Amino acid sequence: MKKFTLCLKISLLSAFCMFLCAFSDPESMEQYAIYLHKTLTDHYDSSQESDQVKRYELNVTNNGFCRYKRYFNNGKTEYFAFKLSKFKDMDYYGTTTSGKLYIHTKGDDVIVQTYKDRGGDVDSMATQLVIPLKNMEAEDLNLIRDNLNKINAGGSISQKL
């Protein structure tokens, strides 16, 4: 009987541990977004646009959006935003010192808004977002891609539910 209760305790403990592991999330979407925000803002290269752009805002939010806003010296403002779950692929053109990151979406998923432009305010959609970056190693780019893919996979799962 003691052997039976010992085996029962061990099996119940194992089942309980498996139950906890099944519902645990070792890395959350919030952690992926925080990593992306930190990496993109730390490596942002304002010198590529310094003569035209007065300031910029680059945010990756916890609810899965990437927002990029540029304020030009002439008063024009450009705003780009897309849902990270719409990420398709990315390309980096440049060197480890300086380059541009092209983030491609599945379709026309990037919101583009232009304010105070000579042609008037324009709202449109695009398939990519371009961010100037500096000091990017191949390892950094792979981590960015991995985090975007993890957010994309998590976003598609939550959309199915």
Protein backbone atom coordinates (compact mmCIF):
# COMPACT_ATOMS: atom_id res chain seq x y z
CA MET A 1 0.00 0.00 0.00
CA LYS A 2 2.86 2.38 0.80
CA LYS A 3 4.37 1.67 -2.59
CA PHE A 4 1.05 2.46 -4.24
CA THR A 5 0.67 5.82 -2.44
CA LEU A 6 4.26 6.75 -3.25
CA CYS A 7 3.66 6.02 -6.94
CA LEU A 8 0.39 7.95 -6.77
CA LYS A 9 2.11 10.97 -5.19
CA ILE A 10 4.87 10.92 -7.78
CA SER A 11 2.42 10.68 -10.69
CA LEU A 12 0.20 13.45 -9.29
CA LEU A 13 3.21 15.69 -8.74
CA SER A 14 4.43 15.01 -12.29
CA ALA A 15 0.99 15.72 -13.73
CA PHE A 16 0.77 18.98 -11.75
CA CYS A 17 4.21 20.09 -12.99
CA MET A 18 3.26 19.30 -16.59
CA PHE A 19 0.02 21.25 -16.12
CA LEU A 20 1.94 24.30 -14.90
CA CYS A 21 4.49 24.05 -17.71
CA ALA A 22 1.75 23.80 -20.33
CA PHE A 23 0.29 27.16 -19.31
CA SER A 24 3.52 28.99 -18.58
CA ASP A 25 4.89 31.46 -21.09
CA PRO A 26 8.66 31.68 -20.66
CA GLU A 27 8.82 34.81 -22.82
CA SER A 28 5.86 37.08 -23.26
CA MET A 29 4.92 39.28 -26.19
CA GLU A 30 5.71 42.24 -23.95
CA GLN A 31 9.32 41.09 -23.62
CA TYR A 32 9.66 40.79 -27.40
CA ALA A 33 8.23 44.29 -27.86
CA ILE A 34 10.52 45.74 -25.18
CA TYR A 35 13.54 44.14 -26.85
CA LEU A 36 12.54 45.50 -30.28
CA HIS A 37 11.90 48.99 -28.90
CA LYS A 38 15.23 49.09 -27.09
CA THR A 39 17.22 47.73 -30.03
CA LEU A 40 15.64 50.00 -32.64
CA THR A 41 15.96 53.15 -30.52
CA ASP A 42 19.53 52.34 -29.41
CA HIS A 43 20.67 51.76 -32.98
CA TYR A 44 18.64 54.51 -34.67
CA ASP A 45 20.90 56.58 -36.93
CA SER A 46 19.69 60.17 -36.95
CA SER A 47 22.81 61.24 -38.88
CA GLN A 48 21.40 59.71 -42.07
CA GLU A 49 18.62 62.31 -42.01
CA SER A 50 20.09 65.09 -39.85
CA ASP A 51 19.83 67.82 -42.47
CA GLN A 52 16.11 67.17 -43.09
CA VAL A 53 14.65 65.67 -39.89
CA LYS A 54 14.42 67.86 -36.77
CA ARG A 55 13.40 65.02 -34.46
CA TYR A 56 11.81 61.58 -34.51
CA GLU A 57 9.74 59.25 -32.34
CA LEU A 58 10.10 55.48 -32.62
CA ASN A 59 7.94 53.26 -30.42
CA VAL A 60 7.19 49.57 -30.26
CA THR A 61 4.18 49.17 -27.98
CA ASN A 62 3.17 46.31 -25.70
CA ASN A 63 -0.08 45.90 -27.62
CA GLY A 64 1.82 45.00 -30.80
CA PHE A 65 2.27 48.19 -32.83
CA CYS A 66 5.35 49.83 -34.28
CA ARG A 67 5.00 53.60 -34.64
CA TYR A 68 7.57 55.83 -36.33
CA LYS A 69 7.12 59.59 -36.63
CA ARG A 70 9.48 62.06 -38.27
CA TYR A 71 9.29 65.83 -37.84
CA PHE A 72 11.01 67.71 -40.67
CA ASN A 73 12.66 71.14 -40.47
CA ASN A 74 10.14 72.59 -42.94
CA GLY A 75 7.21 71.68 -40.63
CA LYS A 76 6.17 68.51 -42.46
CA THR A 77 5.41 65.43 -40.35
CA GLU A 78 5.41 61.80 -41.51
CA TYR A 79 3.79 59.08 -39.43
CA PHE A 80 4.15 55.35 -40.05
CA ALA A 81 2.46 52.58 -38.07
CA PHE A 82 1.84 48.87 -38.47
CA LYS A 83 0.70 45.95 -36.37
CA LEU A 84 3.64 43.65 -35.63
CA SER A 85 1.50 40.59 -36.33
CA LYS A 86 1.48 41.71 -40.00
CA PHE A 87 5.27 41.28 -40.25
CA LYS A 88 6.35 39.27 -43.29
CA ASP A 89 10.09 39.73 -43.77
CA MET A 90 12.92 42.21 -43.38
CA ASP A 91 16.00 43.31 -45.27
CA TYR A 92 19.00 45.34 -44.19
CA TYR A 93 20.93 47.33 -46.76
CA GLY A 94 24.21 48.82 -45.65
CA THR A 95 27.21 47.97 -43.54
CA THR A 96 27.66 47.22 -39.86
CA THR A 97 28.42 50.93 -39.41
CA SER A 98 25.34 52.37 -41.13
CA GLY A 99 22.38 51.10 -43.10
CA LYS A 100 18.62 50.95 -43.51
CA LEU A 101 16.27 48.30 -42.15
CA TYR A 102 13.33 47.52 -44.44
CA ILE A 103 10.48 45.86 -42.56
CA HIS A 104 8.02 44.27 -45.01
CA THR A 105 4.42 43.48 -44.14
CA LYS A 106 2.04 40.88 -45.58
CA GLY A 107 0.13 43.46 -47.60
CA ASP A 108 -0.64 47.16 -47.55
CA ASP A 109 -0.51 47.11 -43.75
CA VAL A 110 1.69 50.14 -43.00
CA ILE A 111 -0.35 53.27 -42.30
CA VAL A 112 1.35 56.34 -43.78
CA GLN A 113 0.13 59.81 -42.84
CA THR A 114 1.71 63.07 -43.96
CA TYR A 115 0.86 66.40 -42.34
CA LYS A 116 1.69 69.97 -43.39
CA ASP A 117 3.08 68.85 -46.74
CA ARG A 118 3.05 71.09 -49.81
CA GLY A 119 0.61 68.69 -51.46
CA GLY A 120 -1.66 68.70 -48.41
CA ASP A 121 -2.32 66.09 -45.78
CA VAL A 122 -2.11 62.59 -47.25
CA ASP A 123 -3.25 59.26 -45.82
CA SER A 124 -2.10 56.12 -47.60
CA MET A 125 -0.96 52.54 -47.07
CA ALA A 126 2.41 50.93 -47.79
CA THR A 127 4.00 47.49 -47.72
CA GLN A 128 7.21 48.42 -45.90
CA LEU A 129 8.72 50.65 -43.25
CA VAL A 130 12.29 51.93 -43.57
CA ILE A 131 14.30 52.75 -40.44
CA PRO A 132 17.90 54.11 -40.59
CA LEU A 133 20.17 52.19 -38.21
CA LYS A 134 23.83 52.21 -37.17
CA ASN A 135 26.22 49.75 -35.53
CA MET A 136 24.18 46.69 -36.52
CA GLU A 137 25.82 43.31 -36.46
CA ALA A 138 24.36 40.25 -38.19
CA GLU A 139 23.55 38.82 -34.76
CA ASP A 140 21.49 41.92 -33.87
CA LEU A 141 19.54 41.66 -37.12
CA ASN A 142 18.86 37.97 -36.51
CA LEU A 143 17.52 38.77 -33.03
CA ILE A 144 15.26 41.48 -34.44
CA ARG A 145 13.92 39.02 -37.03
CA ASP A 146 13.42 36.32 -34.39
CA ASN A 147 11.51 38.68 -32.10
CA LEU A 148 9.31 39.90 -34.95
CA ASN A 149 8.60 36.29 -35.97
CA LYS A 150 7.72 35.35 -32.39
CA ILE A 151 5.34 38.30 -32.10
CA ASN A 152 3.88 37.41 -35.49
CA ALA A 153 3.32 33.80 -34.43
CA GLY A 154 1.80 34.87 -31.13
CA GLY A 155 -0.42 37.41 -32.83
CA SER A 156 -1.79 34.91 -35.30
CA ILE A 157 -2.57 32.48 -32.48
CA SER A 158 -4.47 35.10 -30.48
CA GLN A 159 -6.37 36.18 -33.60
CA LYS A 160 -7.57 32.60 -34.14
CA LEU A 161 -9.00 32.40 -30.62
